[in-house]
């Protein structure tokens, strides 16, 4: 890529449509005003590079042209293309097609919408991560709401605390032993600042430390899971402070009670505000003096209150519309994950020696969730699980993902779909993912996990050839001299054989190759890049040295030489696609 201007914080377009208000390694936070809409947008730097390359080649193209030409041709989440007008203008600024205005002399960040933001979306979409990245190297105070949260736990209250005092005798004289005063612990009650007051006091202290023509340091108050608490009860009269004026200060200060006034007066003792005149001019009276005396609460423009909300949570206390209007709402869509360098994360579900694509699983299960619940709220985001070197273990997958799906998503809708079919034709209930081991320890059943993933048709990642070489050394014959791969049809007929492949091919013949032909494209399994079942032979199989060969049946060619697990999975997929209700045992 040729040289272009790197956009920085405070860069602004000449038409006033966009202004970069913050940035980190991955994203820009952009204040956008377009067609009457005003708000903050998070713009991926990787996506902006694609737009820069596009407009370098096509400088006269429109924003819609860029969206149409680039959408679907990139690994970056397609939802971000909804910001195409902003991206196009930023790309033209970087290329010099549009002039950049750099506002380095601004004292106050003029954006009332950005001071209170709720980042909302499905679990695992990176809400907290986005906040962490945006507030890196900033002063942050964090709290979490829950059903027992109230005004006192959020703002401040009297709490018992222990102090040491000198012991005295009945006459009131100090007790001295060996030349030292004897101390004892005594419980007293003191007013203790909680998250809100801690952030509020620190924000004004930053103002006191700032010269009259400089911008004070930002103070962030981060509220996790804001909808899990009763916001009306928790905020109380602070609700009024959330209305901000154009300068970012509270429109309507509120008066404090005696206890809070004493606490604030003590906290602000000896402080002065160099920018007092400018702030007082906003109100026509000496509000800074009232703030420092603790007489009023007034949110300064350097205090940001950001929150997260999982839309999947069954909130005990719905957020009312009046409260909602005081916040800007930023939706976090479901998309692929990226590391700090902007590289796509290739996470896998690791079940024994098999690996399944985490992203493929998310795509498949989210479609099921959407069609079953008719809602986006219960879907899973990319960061729903933590990994160990990119692998989600079977224990983590069952303990977190399967548990969530069975207990929070599908419980109220039933388990009648094909993805919940067990090998015996019954339902794959949650308890089947475990068995009791020694001392009652729960052991994850990998075969049931793989069955569920294969029912979903999740893409496999493991090395097929190595798996085949490892698993084909032993046919694993049962006591009757038959392979342990068996297929039971609904009519009661059982397909068995001396080898796994005999069972596999005979079961397919019984089903009817002509029935399978229309769904061949849905069978994701392959060897050496060739489909397992095809109407034509492939040279790679004909000339291979890995032990694969073709067996012809009814005009179709079947690859022979794969492991028993793959044969089982193919038969299970065929059964699910055709609703055959086969019981495939292996």
Foldseek 3Di string as FASTA:
>chain_A
DDAWADDAAQKAFPVRQWHFHADFLFWTWIFGADPNDTDTDTGGPVVLVLLLVVCVVVVPDALVVSLVVPQPVDQFDNVNSVCSNVSNRVSCCRHVVTPIDHDPQDAFDFDLFQQEEEEEAAPFLCPVVVVCRRQPPAAEFEDEAAAPAFQCQAFKDKDKDKDKDFDADPVRHFDDDPRDTDIDIDIDIDIDGHQVNVQQLVQVVQQLVDAQRHHGGAYEYEYEAVLNYAVCRRCPVVLQQLCADRRQKGPDKAFDDPRQLVVLLVSLPPTDGNNQVVVCVVPVHRVRVCNNSSGIRMHHNRYGYYYYHQLLDPHPHDDDPSSVVSHHYHYRDAHFDADSNRHTQFAWADQPLWTFTPVLVQVLVQVVLCVQVVDRRHGHHNRQDDADVRYDYLCNCLVRVVCCCCPRGCVVRDQPAQLQAALQLDGNHSPVQWDQDPPRDTDGDSVSVVSSCLSSLTHIDGDQLVQLVVAVPDQCADPVQWRQKWKAFPVGDIQIHNGLVSSLVVVCVVVPVVLCVVCQVSLNDDDPPHGQKALDDDPCQVPDDSPWDWDDDPNMTGIPRTHNVSSQSSVSNSCNVVVRSMNIGD
